[in-house]
Amino acid sequence: MSQPKQMRTRILGTTTSDTSIQVEMISDDLAVFRRMTQFAKKSSATPDVKTWAETQEGFVDSENLALMMAGEDFEKVDGLAIMPDHLFQELSERPFHQVIMSGERNALEEVISPAMAWEALHSGTFTYDNIVRIRTYDHTVTRHDGTPIPIAQQGSRRGTLGEHVEDEVDLLEVADLYAQRDDVFFRPYRSRDGAPMLPANRDSLKEFAEKLPRYEMDEHNPEAYYKMVQVDVLWQPSAEDFAELYALAESKEMKKKMGGISSLWMKLIESGPRDPSRSVAERIEEVLARQDEEMESQRGMKL
């Protein structure tokens, strides 16, 4: 419920202003407001009175709310916006850049700016859950309370289809690993929206085989050209998995070691089927340790 309108009248020379403020608390330290000011200016030459109005909407924290209600200068909370429900669904199915930053469509135009926050939140279409912070620099979206919105992640894997090429992976073995999960999918490499998306397993790779680009990885081994292929991998995370991964990616230690979510998610899906008994951090550490052991073993074999 919104607080009662706060009325304040000021007189400056021949101009009178009446200000009303409506406030609704979203959390202990966040409020949405609408401030309306009616101006009236008397003419010195005629009995006419010129009137106009100014409206301001947005979000404020508790400190600046107190300043605003006292008639003092205040600052609005930057970075918040109101996102339509359908974009939450799209982000859970497709990567950030395909939904928000696609060259064919600018979804940011569908996001409602703070300047229209009060009107939007009282239209009956949006709730507080639609208030988000969109970070285009690292492709993440969080709710106003910091809870991350699950966003599909996409990358690519390159390897062979059952053939042996030194220092390269066998994608059929990778597919066996991914097949233990129900949230990982294959698509033809660099495919557009609408391209087939199949569960990540051997059958999908074989179905895509003729559509996958092939690479000559070693100029001294021309046969490798016919063996190496590349496929897109799509992960559609649960809210629980993504929240854990986001918290891990935001930690200073992991940022220094691995970078953000884009560097971590594929390690997670390589850890096998979802297992609520083990944390995301534990599973990623296990994958990293296993990969270190494999690299050491390969070095030993070459020596």
C-alpha atoms as a PDB file:
ATOM      1  CA  MET A   1       0.000   0.000   0.000  1.00  0.00           C
ATOM      2  CA  SER A   2       1.175   3.510  -0.764  1.00  0.00           C
ATOM      3  CA  GLN A   3       1.690   6.013   1.983  1.00  0.00           C
ATOM      4  CA  PRO A   4      -0.651   9.051   2.161  1.00  0.00           C
ATOM      5  CA  LYS A   5       0.198  11.876  -0.178  1.00  0.00           C
ATOM      6  CA  GLN A   6       2.592  14.371   1.343  1.00  0.00           C
ATOM      7  CA  MET A   7       1.621  17.963   0.485  1.00  0.00           C
ATOM      8  CA  ARG A   8       4.024  20.859   0.460  1.00  0.00           C
ATOM      9  CA  THR A   9       3.444  24.421  -0.786  1.00  0.00           C
ATOM     10  CA  ARG A  10       6.162  26.908  -1.718  1.00  0.00           C
ATOM     11  CA  ILE A  11       5.949  30.504  -2.829  1.00  0.00           C
ATOM     12  CA  LEU A  12       8.806  32.055  -4.780  1.00  0.00           C
ATOM     13  CA  GLY A  13       8.063  35.552  -6.034  1.00  0.00           C
ATOM     14  CA  THR A  14       4.964  35.315  -8.234  1.00  0.00           C
ATOM     15  CA  THR A  15       5.231  31.522  -8.595  1.00  0.00           C
ATOM     16  CA  THR A  16       3.469  29.078  -6.294  1.00  0.00           C
ATOM     17  CA  SER A  17       4.191  25.360  -6.297  1.00  0.00           C
ATOM     18  CA  ASP A  18       2.204  22.592  -4.634  1.00  0.00           C
ATOM     19  CA  THR A  19       3.983  19.240  -4.356  1.00  0.00           C
ATOM     20  CA  SER A  20       2.417  15.879  -3.575  1.00  0.00           C
ATOM     21  CA  ILE A  21       4.461  12.725  -3.033  1.00  0.00           C
ATOM     22  CA  GLN A  22       3.288   9.119  -3.114  1.00  0.00           C
ATOM     23  CA  VAL A  23       5.592   6.425  -1.762  1.00  0.00           C
ATOM     24  CA  GLU A  24       5.392   2.645  -1.652  1.00  0.00           C
ATOM     25  CA  MET A  25       7.986   0.605   0.225  1.00  0.00           C
ATOM     26  CA  ILE A  26       9.331  -2.368  -1.762  1.00  0.00           C
ATOM     27  CA  SER A  27      11.778  -3.506   0.918  1.00  0.00           C
ATOM     28  CA  ASP A  28      13.359  -2.046   4.033  1.00  0.00           C
ATOM     29  CA  ASP A  29      15.790  -0.016   1.927  1.00  0.00           C
ATOM     30  CA  LEU A  30      13.989   0.493  -1.384  1.00  0.00           C
ATOM     31  CA  ALA A  31      10.907   2.492  -2.311  1.00  0.00           C
ATOM     32  CA  VAL A  32       9.138   3.523  -5.490  1.00  0.00           C
ATOM     33  CA  PHE A  33       7.750   7.037  -5.604  1.00  0.00           C
ATOM     34  CA  ARG A  34       5.837   9.532  -7.683  1.00  0.00           C
ATOM     35  CA  ARG A  35       6.275  13.218  -7.003  1.00  0.00           C
ATOM     36  CA  MET A  36       3.891  15.674  -8.672  1.00  0.00           C
ATOM     37  CA  THR A  37       4.361  19.422  -8.533  1.00  0.00           C
ATOM     38  CA  GLN A  38       1.746  21.923  -9.715  1.00  0.00           C
ATOM     39  CA  PHE A  39       3.070  25.369 -10.583  1.00  0.00           C
ATOM     40  CA  ALA A  40       1.106  28.594 -10.843  1.00  0.00           C
ATOM     41  CA  LYS A  41       2.641  31.875 -11.962  1.00  0.00           C
ATOM     42  CA  LYS A  42       0.788  35.178 -11.806  1.00  0.00           C
ATOM     43  CA  SER A  43       1.327  37.710 -14.539  1.00  0.00           C
ATOM     44  CA  SER A  44       2.411  41.169 -13.393  1.00  0.00           C
ATOM     45  CA  ALA A  45       0.570  42.844 -16.295  1.00  0.00           C
ATOM     46  CA  THR A  46      -2.699  40.884 -16.447  1.00  0.00           C
ATOM     47  CA  PRO A  47      -4.885  38.854 -14.098  1.00  0.00           C
ATOM     48  CA  ASP A  48      -3.934  35.703 -15.990  1.00  0.00           C
ATOM     49  CA  VAL A  49      -2.321  32.818 -14.138  1.00  0.00           C
ATOM     50  CA  LYS A  50      -0.065  30.368 -15.996  1.00  0.00           C
ATOM     51  CA  THR A  51      -0.184  26.805 -14.679  1.00  0.00           C
ATOM     52  CA  TRP A  52       1.867  23.699 -15.440  1.00  0.00           C
ATOM     53  CA  ALA A  53       2.843  20.456 -13.785  1.00  0.00           C
ATOM     54  CA  GLU A  54       5.950  18.307 -13.433  1.00  0.00           C
ATOM     55  CA  THR A  55       5.968  14.619 -12.503  1.00  0.00           C
ATOM     56  CA  GLN A  56       8.934  12.571 -11.323  1.00  0.00           C
ATOM     57  CA  GLU A  57       8.965   8.808 -10.726  1.00  0.00           C
ATOM     58  CA  GLY A  58      11.686   6.382  -9.719  1.00  0.00           C
ATOM     59  CA  PHE A  59      13.311   4.373  -6.951  1.00  0.00           C
ATOM     60  CA  VAL A  60      15.020   5.663  -3.806  1.00  0.00           C
ATOM     61  CA  ASP A  61      16.752   4.064  -0.843  1.00  0.00           C
ATOM     62  CA  SER A  62      15.638   4.818   2.701  1.00  0.00           C
ATOM     63  CA  GLU A  63      18.210   7.577   3.246  1.00  0.00           C
ATOM     64  CA  ASN A  64      17.207   9.483   0.123  1.00  0.00           C
ATOM     65  CA  LEU A  65      13.533   8.855   0.800  1.00  0.00           C
ATOM     66  CA  ALA A  66      13.908  10.776   4.048  1.00  0.00           C
ATOM     67  CA  LEU A  67      15.630  13.637   2.200  1.00  0.00           C
ATOM     68  CA  MET A  68      12.899  13.741  -0.435  1.00  0.00           C
ATOM     69  CA  MET A  69      10.104  13.812   2.141  1.00  0.00           C
ATOM     70  CA  ALA A  70      11.909  16.653   3.946  1.00  0.00           C
ATOM     71  CA  GLY A  71      12.101  18.671   0.743  1.00  0.00           C
ATOM     72  CA  GLU A  72      15.863  18.307   0.499  1.00  0.00           C
ATOM     73  CA  ASP A  73      17.952  17.344  -2.524  1.00  0.00           C
ATOM     74  CA  PHE A  74      18.044  13.576  -3.015  1.00  0.00           C
ATOM     75  CA  GLU A  75      19.408  10.951  -5.400  1.00  0.00           C
ATOM     76  CA  LYS A  76      17.478   8.153  -7.064  1.00  0.00           C
ATOM     77  CA  VAL A  77      18.717   4.558  -7.187  1.00  0.00           C
ATOM     78  CA  ASP A  78      20.411   3.984 -10.537  1.00  0.00           C
ATOM     79  CA  GLY A  79      20.371   0.833 -12.641  1.00  0.00           C
ATOM     80  CA  LEU A  80      16.939  -0.568 -11.790  1.00  0.00           C
ATOM     81  CA  ALA A  81      14.279  -1.170 -14.420  1.00  0.00           C
ATOM     82  CA  ILE A  82      11.066  -3.164 -14.888  1.00  0.00           C
ATOM     83  CA  MET A  83      11.308  -6.218 -17.136  1.00  0.00           C
ATOM     84  CA  PRO A  84       8.271  -7.907 -18.753  1.00  0.00           C
ATOM     85  CA  ASP A  85       7.487 -11.498 -17.772  1.00  0.00           C
ATOM     86  CA  HIS A  86       8.163 -12.934 -21.224  1.00  0.00           C
ATOM     87  CA  LEU A  87      11.824 -11.859 -21.078  1.00  0.00           C
ATOM     88  CA  PHE A  88      12.336 -13.931 -17.904  1.00  0.00           C
ATOM     89  CA  GLN A  89      11.107 -16.977 -19.817  1.00  0.00           C
ATOM     90  CA  GLU A  90      13.206 -16.197 -22.890  1.00  0.00           C
ATOM     91  CA  LEU A  91      16.349 -15.750 -20.795  1.00  0.00           C
ATOM     92  CA  SER A  92      15.831 -19.167 -19.199  1.00  0.00           C
ATOM     93  CA  GLU A  93      15.827 -20.727 -22.670  1.00  0.00           C
ATOM     94  CA  ARG A  94      18.333 -18.678 -24.674  1.00  0.00           C
ATOM     95  CA  PRO A  95      21.613 -16.847 -23.936  1.00  0.00           C
ATOM     96  CA  PHE A  96      21.622 -13.206 -22.839  1.00  0.00           C
ATOM     97  CA  HIS A  97      23.094 -11.903 -26.102  1.00  0.00           C
ATOM     98  CA  GLN A  98      20.389 -13.616 -28.151  1.00  0.00           C
ATOM     99  CA  VAL A  99      17.569 -12.195 -26.027  1.00  0.00           C
ATOM    100  CA  ILE A 100      18.753  -8.784 -24.835  1.00  0.00           C
ATOM    101  CA  MET A 101      21.416  -7.773 -27.351  1.00  0.00           C
ATOM    102  CA  SER A 102      20.296  -9.445 -30.577  1.00  0.00           C
ATOM    103  CA  GLY A 103      21.004  -7.433 -33.702  1.00  0.00           C
ATOM    104  CA  GLU A 104      17.542  -8.280 -34.985  1.00  0.00           C
ATOM    105  CA  ARG A 105      15.762  -7.005 -31.887  1.00  0.00           C
ATOM    106  CA  ASN A 106      16.592  -4.664 -29.037  1.00  0.00           C
ATOM    107  CA  ALA A 107      14.829  -6.154 -26.030  1.00  0.00           C
ATOM    108  CA  LEU A 108      16.029  -3.248 -23.896  1.00  0.00           C
ATOM    109  CA  GLU A 109      13.344  -1.199 -25.619  1.00  0.00           C
ATOM    110  CA  GLU A 110      10.778  -3.502 -23.991  1.00  0.00           C
ATOM    111  CA  VAL A 111      12.198  -2.826 -20.524  1.00  0.00           C
ATOM    112  CA  ILE A 112      10.442  -0.005 -18.658  1.00  0.00           C
ATOM    113  CA  SER A 113      12.688   2.728 -17.321  1.00  0.00           C
ATOM    114  CA  PRO A 114      12.577   3.982 -13.704  1.00  0.00           C
ATOM    115  CA  ALA A 115      11.067   7.219 -14.982  1.00  0.00           C
ATOM    116  CA  MET A 116       7.809   5.276 -15.467  1.00  0.00           C
ATOM    117  CA  ALA A 117       8.179   2.974 -12.457  1.00  0.00           C
ATOM    118  CA  TRP A 118       5.190   4.139 -10.414  1.00  0.00           C
ATOM    119  CA  GLU A 119       2.815   4.035 -13.354  1.00  0.00           C
ATOM    120  CA  ALA A 120       4.058   0.604 -14.465  1.00  0.00           C
ATOM    121  CA  LEU A 121       3.840  -0.967 -11.001  1.00  0.00           C
ATOM    122  CA  HIS A 122       0.280   0.296 -10.564  1.00  0.00           C
ATOM    123  CA  SER A 123      -0.927  -0.756 -14.008  1.00  0.00           C
ATOM    124  CA  GLY A 124      -1.827  -4.260 -12.863  1.00  0.00           C
ATOM    125  CA  THR A 125       0.691  -5.800 -15.297  1.00  0.00           C
ATOM    126  CA  PHE A 126       3.858  -5.810 -13.168  1.00  0.00           C
ATOM    127  CA  THR A 127       4.802  -6.693  -9.605  1.00  0.00           C
ATOM    128  CA  TYR A 128       7.893  -6.077  -7.492  1.00  0.00           C
ATOM    129  CA  ASP A 129       9.338  -9.307  -8.923  1.00  0.00           C
ATOM    130  CA  ASN A 130       9.628  -7.528 -12.281  1.00  0.00           C
ATOM    131  CA  ILE A 131      12.100  -4.991 -10.841  1.00  0.00           C
ATOM    132  CA  VAL A 132      15.565  -5.970 -12.044  1.00  0.00           C
ATOM    133  CA  ARG A 133      19.094  -4.774 -12.579  1.00  0.00           C
ATOM    134  CA  ILE A 134      20.443  -5.644 -16.047  1.00  0.00           C
ATOM    135  CA  ARG A 135      24.234  -5.803 -16.372  1.00  0.00           C
ATOM    136  CA  THR A 136      25.159  -5.823 -20.046  1.00  0.00           C
ATOM    137  CA  TYR A 137      28.896  -5.932 -19.287  1.00  0.00           C
ATOM    138  CA  ASP A 138      28.738  -9.459 -17.851  1.00  0.00           C
ATOM    139  CA  HIS A 139      25.379 -10.612 -19.254  1.00  0.00           C
ATOM    140  CA  THR A 140      23.572 -11.046 -15.927  1.00  0.00           C
ATOM    141  CA  VAL A 141      20.188  -9.976 -14.585  1.00  0.00           C
ATOM    142  CA  THR A 142      19.289  -9.806 -10.894  1.00  0.00           C
ATOM    143  CA  ARG A 143      16.100  -8.925  -9.068  1.00  0.00           C
ATOM    144  CA  HIS A 144      16.027  -5.783  -6.934  1.00  0.00           C
ATOM    145  CA  ASP A 145      17.065  -7.838  -3.891  1.00  0.00           C
ATOM    146  CA  GLY A 146      20.118  -9.269  -5.690  1.00  0.00           C
ATOM    147  CA  THR A 147      18.641 -12.684  -6.534  1.00  0.00           C
ATOM    148  CA  PRO A 148      20.061 -13.776  -9.920  1.00  0.00           C
ATOM    149  CA  ILE A 149      17.696 -14.581 -12.778  1.00  0.00           C
ATOM    150  CA  PRO A 150      18.604 -17.956 -14.370  1.00  0.00           C
ATOM    151  CA  ILE A 151      19.968 -17.350 -17.867  1.00  0.00           C
ATOM    152  CA  ALA A 152      20.745 -20.014 -20.468  1.00  0.00           C
ATOM    153  CA  GLN A 153      24.442 -20.312 -21.330  1.00  0.00           C
ATOM    154  CA  GLN A 154      25.849 -21.259 -24.706  1.00  0.00           C
ATOM    155  CA  GLY A 155      29.338 -22.237 -25.813  1.00  0.00           C
ATOM    156  CA  SER A 156      30.929 -24.660 -28.232  1.00  0.00           C
ATOM    157  CA  ARG A 157      32.970 -27.837 -28.039  1.00  0.00           C
ATOM    158  CA  ARG A 158      35.413 -29.038 -30.665  1.00  0.00           C
ATOM    159  CA  GLY A 159      36.694 -32.554 -31.014  1.00  0.00           C
ATOM    160  CA  THR A 160      36.380 -35.787 -32.932  1.00  0.00           C
ATOM    161  CA  LEU A 161      33.468 -38.128 -33.453  1.00  0.00           C
ATOM    162  CA  GLY A 162      35.095 -41.279 -32.139  1.00  0.00           C
ATOM    163  CA  GLU A 163      38.410 -40.760 -33.935  1.00  0.00           C
ATOM    164  CA  HIS A 164      41.745 -40.409 -32.174  1.00  0.00           C
ATOM    165  CA  VAL A 165      43.556 -37.097 -32.679  1.00  0.00           C
ATOM    166  CA  GLU A 166      46.377 -36.295 -30.291  1.00  0.00           C
ATOM    167  CA  ASP A 167      45.532 -33.687 -27.618  1.00  0.00           C
ATOM    168  CA  GLU A 168      41.905 -33.461 -28.779  1.00  0.00           C
ATOM    169  CA  VAL A 169      38.757 -34.714 -27.065  1.00  0.00           C
ATOM    170  CA  ASP A 170      36.307 -37.266 -28.355  1.00  0.00           C
ATOM    171  CA  LEU A 171      32.928 -35.513 -28.491  1.00  0.00           C
ATOM    172  CA  LEU A 172      31.140 -38.835 -28.212  1.00  0.00           C
ATOM    173  CA  GLU A 173      32.666 -39.239 -24.760  1.00  0.00           C
ATOM    174  CA  VAL A 174      31.696 -35.666 -23.909  1.00  0.00           C
ATOM    175  CA  ALA A 175      28.145 -36.431 -25.068  1.00  0.00           C
ATOM    176  CA  ASP A 176      28.022 -39.423 -22.718  1.00  0.00           C
ATOM    177  CA  LEU A 177      28.923 -37.075 -19.861  1.00  0.00           C
ATOM    178  CA  TYR A 178      26.292 -34.486 -20.812  1.00  0.00           C
ATOM    179  CA  ALA A 179      23.660 -37.180 -21.358  1.00  0.00           C
ATOM    180  CA  GLN A 180      23.559 -37.673 -17.574  1.00  0.00           C
ATOM    181  CA  ARG A 181      21.822 -34.297 -17.321  1.00  0.00           C
ATOM    182  CA  ASP A 182      18.414 -33.160 -18.586  1.00  0.00           C
ATOM    183  CA  ASP A 183      19.343 -29.481 -18.879  1.00  0.00           C
ATOM    184  CA  VAL A 184      22.064 -29.669 -21.577  1.00  0.00           C
ATOM    185  CA  PHE A 185      21.411 -29.569 -25.324  1.00  0.00           C
ATOM    186  CA  PHE A 186      23.296 -29.655 -28.632  1.00  0.00           C
ATOM    187  CA  ARG A 187      22.735 -27.382 -31.616  1.00  0.00           C
ATOM    188  CA  PRO A 188      24.617 -27.099 -34.905  1.00  0.00           C
ATOM    189  CA  TYR A 189      27.583 -24.755 -34.501  1.00  0.00           C
ATOM    190  CA  ARG A 190      26.640 -21.064 -34.745  1.00  0.00           C
ATOM    191  CA  SER A 191      23.068 -21.894 -35.696  1.00  0.00           C
ATOM    192  CA  ARG A 192      20.390 -19.214 -35.760  1.00  0.00           C
ATOM    193  CA  ASP A 193      17.234 -19.110 -33.660  1.00  0.00           C
ATOM    194  CA  GLY A 194      14.847 -21.820 -34.718  1.00  0.00           C
ATOM    195  CA  ALA A 195      17.599 -24.323 -35.499  1.00  0.00           C
ATOM    196  CA  PRO A 196      17.015 -27.781 -34.010  1.00  0.00           C
ATOM    197  CA  MET A 197      18.002 -28.231 -30.372  1.00  0.00           C
ATOM    198  CA  LEU A 198      18.394 -31.820 -29.216  1.00  0.00           C
ATOM    199  CA  PRO A 199      19.320 -33.424 -25.891  1.00  0.00           C
ATOM    200  CA  ALA A 200      23.095 -33.637 -25.529  1.00  0.00           C
ATOM    201  CA  ASN A 201      23.900 -37.273 -26.330  1.00  0.00           C
ATOM    202  CA  ARG A 202      25.578 -39.430 -28.989  1.00  0.00           C
ATOM    203  CA  ASP A 203      22.455 -39.728 -31.129  1.00  0.00           C
ATOM    204  CA  SER A 204      22.190 -35.924 -31.404  1.00  0.00           C
ATOM    205  CA  LEU A 205      25.820 -35.637 -32.497  1.00  0.00           C
ATOM    206  CA  LYS A 206      25.300 -38.287 -35.146  1.00  0.00           C
ATOM    207  CA  GLU A 207      22.163 -36.532 -36.368  1.00  0.00           C
ATOM    208  CA  PHE A 208      24.049 -33.225 -36.643  1.00  0.00           C
ATOM    209  CA  ALA A 209      27.197 -34.830 -38.088  1.00  0.00           C
ATOM    210  CA  GLU A 210      26.680 -33.640 -41.657  1.00  0.00           C
ATOM    211  CA  LYS A 211      25.867 -30.093 -40.493  1.00  0.00           C
ATOM    212  CA  LEU A 212      28.887 -29.602 -38.231  1.00  0.00           C
ATOM    213  CA  PRO A 213      31.882 -27.593 -39.508  1.00  0.00           C
ATOM    214  CA  ARG A 214      35.096 -29.554 -39.831  1.00  0.00           C
ATOM    215  CA  TYR A 215      38.592 -28.314 -39.075  1.00  0.00           C
ATOM    216  CA  GLU A 216      42.125 -29.219 -40.055  1.00  0.00           C
ATOM    217  CA  MET A 217      43.806 -28.933 -36.693  1.00  0.00           C
ATOM    218  CA  ASP A 218      47.313 -29.980 -37.784  1.00  0.00           C
ATOM    219  CA  GLU A 219      48.837 -28.923 -41.088  1.00  0.00           C
ATOM    220  CA  HIS A 220      51.123 -31.958 -40.854  1.00  0.00           C
ATOM    221  CA  ASN A 221      48.157 -34.268 -40.433  1.00  0.00           C
ATOM    222  CA  PRO A 222      45.631 -33.563 -43.241  1.00  0.00           C
ATOM    223  CA  GLU A 223      43.470 -36.480 -42.126  1.00  0.00           C
ATOM    224  CA  ALA A 224      42.587 -34.535 -39.001  1.00  0.00           C
ATOM    225  CA  TYR A 225      40.482 -32.218 -41.162  1.00  0.00           C
ATOM    226  CA  TYR A 226      38.010 -35.020 -41.658  1.00  0.00           C
ATOM    227  CA  LYS A 227      37.944 -35.922 -37.997  1.00  0.00           C
ATOM    228  CA  MET A 228      37.505 -32.601 -36.133  1.00  0.00           C
ATOM    229  CA  VAL A 229      34.025 -31.142 -35.702  1.00  0.00           C
ATOM    230  CA  GLN A 230      32.471 -28.348 -33.630  1.00  0.00           C
ATOM    231  CA  VAL A 231      29.065 -28.200 -31.967  1.00  0.00           C
ATOM    232  CA  ASP A 232      27.199 -25.642 -29.836  1.00  0.00           C
ATOM    233  CA  VAL A 233      26.340 -26.597 -26.252  1.00  0.00           C
ATOM    234  CA  LEU A 234      23.336 -24.987 -24.545  1.00  0.00           C
ATOM    235  CA  TRP A 235      22.718 -25.156 -20.786  1.00  0.00           C
ATOM    236  CA  GLN A 236      19.295 -24.216 -19.419  1.00  0.00           C
ATOM    237  CA  PRO A 237      19.980 -23.997 -15.672  1.00  0.00           C
ATOM    238  CA  SER A 238      17.589 -24.404 -12.784  1.00  0.00           C
ATOM    239  CA  ALA A 239      17.156 -21.396 -10.506  1.00  0.00           C
ATOM    240  CA  GLU A 240      18.995 -23.272  -7.736  1.00  0.00           C
ATOM    241  CA  ASP A 241      22.026 -24.227  -9.849  1.00  0.00           C
ATOM    242  CA  PHE A 242      22.298 -20.763 -11.349  1.00  0.00           C
ATOM    243  CA  ALA A 243      22.045 -19.025  -7.965  1.00  0.00           C
ATOM    244  CA  GLU A 244      24.915 -21.143  -6.625  1.00  0.00           C
ATOM    245  CA  LEU A 245      26.986 -20.598  -9.749  1.00  0.00           C
ATOM    246  CA  TYR A 246      26.347 -16.834  -9.637  1.00  0.00           C
ATOM    247  CA  ALA A 247      27.436 -16.612  -5.995  1.00  0.00           C
ATOM    248  CA  LEU A 248      30.573 -18.579  -6.812  1.00  0.00           C
ATOM    249  CA  ALA A 249      31.367 -16.408  -9.836  1.00  0.00           C
ATOM    250  CA  GLU A 250      30.944 -13.255  -7.742  1.00  0.00           C
ATOM    251  CA  SER A 251      33.471 -14.391  -5.135  1.00  0.00           C
ATOM    252  CA  LYS A 252      36.849 -12.652  -5.346  1.00  0.00           C
ATOM    253  CA  GLU A 253      38.762 -15.931  -5.202  1.00  0.00           C
ATOM    254  CA  MET A 254      36.920 -17.493  -8.145  1.00  0.00           C
ATOM    255  CA  LYS A 255      36.961 -14.290 -10.203  1.00  0.00           C
ATOM    256  CA  LYS A 256      40.728 -14.251  -9.907  1.00  0.00           C
ATOM    257  CA  LYS A 257      41.034 -17.961 -10.675  1.00  0.00           C
ATOM    258  CA  MET A 258      38.446 -18.523 -13.402  1.00  0.00           C
ATOM    259  CA  GLY A 259      36.592 -15.344 -14.262  1.00  0.00           C
ATOM    260  CA  GLY A 260      32.809 -15.059 -14.405  1.00  0.00           C
ATOM    261  CA  ILE A 261      29.903 -17.389 -15.110  1.00  0.00           C
ATOM    262  CA  SER A 262      30.934 -17.763 -18.751  1.00  0.00           C
ATOM    263  CA  SER A 263      34.095 -19.559 -17.603  1.00  0.00           C
ATOM    264  CA  LEU A 264      32.432 -21.730 -14.970  1.00  0.00           C
ATOM    265  CA  TRP A 265      29.190 -23.152 -16.299  1.00  0.00           C
ATOM    266  CA  MET A 266      30.740 -25.686 -18.668  1.00  0.00           C
ATOM    267  CA  LYS A 267      32.868 -27.024 -15.811  1.00  0.00           C
ATOM    268  CA  LEU A 268      29.669 -27.601 -13.852  1.00  0.00           C
ATOM    269  CA  ILE A 269      27.889 -29.573 -16.578  1.00  0.00           C
ATOM    270  CA  GLU A 270      31.044 -31.680 -17.011  1.00  0.00           C
ATOM    271  CA  SER A 271      30.673 -32.801 -13.390  1.00  0.00           C
ATOM    272  CA  GLY A 272      27.902 -35.248 -14.255  1.00  0.00           C
ATOM    273  CA  PRO A 273      24.249 -35.412 -13.195  1.00  0.00           C
ATOM    274  CA  ARG A 274      22.786 -32.882 -10.789  1.00  0.00           C
ATOM    275  CA  ASP A 275      23.502 -33.860  -7.204  1.00  0.00           C
ATOM    276  CA  PRO A 276      21.891 -31.710  -4.474  1.00  0.00           C
ATOM    277  CA  SER A 277      24.158 -33.352  -1.886  1.00  0.00           C
ATOM    278  CA  ARG A 278      27.227 -31.591  -3.323  1.00  0.00           C
ATOM    279  CA  SER A 279      27.635 -27.867  -3.811  1.00  0.00           C
ATOM    280  CA  VAL A 280      28.327 -26.320  -7.200  1.00  0.00           C
ATOM    281  CA  ALA A 281      31.726 -25.152  -5.909  1.00  0.00           C
ATOM    282  CA  GLU A 282      32.705 -28.687  -4.865  1.00  0.00           C
ATOM    283  CA  ARG A 283      31.722 -30.130  -8.213  1.00  0.00           C
ATOM    284  CA  ILE A 284      33.605 -27.514 -10.213  1.00  0.00           C
ATOM    285  CA  GLU A 285      36.701 -28.000  -8.063  1.00  0.00           C
ATOM    286  CA  GLU A 286      36.531 -31.731  -8.750  1.00  0.00           C
ATOM    287  CA  VAL A 287      36.417 -31.128 -12.508  1.00  0.00           C
ATOM    288  CA  LEU A 288      39.346 -28.704 -12.338  1.00  0.00           C
ATOM    289  CA  ALA A 289      41.372 -31.174 -10.272  1.00  0.00           C
ATOM    290  CA  ARG A 290      40.604 -33.992 -12.700  1.00  0.00           C
ATOM    291  CA  GLN A 291      41.634 -31.862 -15.675  1.00  0.00           C
ATOM    292  CA  ASP A 292      44.895 -30.906 -13.938  1.00  0.00           C
ATOM    293  CA  GLU A 293      45.643 -34.591 -13.380  1.00  0.00           C
ATOM    294  CA  GLU A 294      44.930 -35.384 -17.032  1.00  0.00           C
ATOM    295  CA  MET A 295      47.254 -32.605 -18.189  1.00  0.00           C
ATOM    296  CA  GLU A 296      50.028 -33.834 -15.904  1.00  0.00           C
ATOM    297  CA  SER A 297      49.537 -37.367 -17.206  1.00  0.00           C
ATOM    298  CA  GLN A 298      49.758 -36.183 -20.820  1.00  0.00           C
ATOM    299  CA  ARG A 299      52.931 -34.255 -20.059  1.00  0.00           C
ATOM    300  CA  GLY A 300      54.448 -37.358 -18.475  1.00  0.00           C
ATOM    301  CA  MET A 301      53.582 -39.490 -21.491  1.00  0.00           C
ATOM    302  CA  LYS A 302      55.247 -36.982 -23.859  1.00  0.00           C
ATOM    303  CA  LEU A 303      58.398 -36.937 -21.725  1.00  0.00           C
END
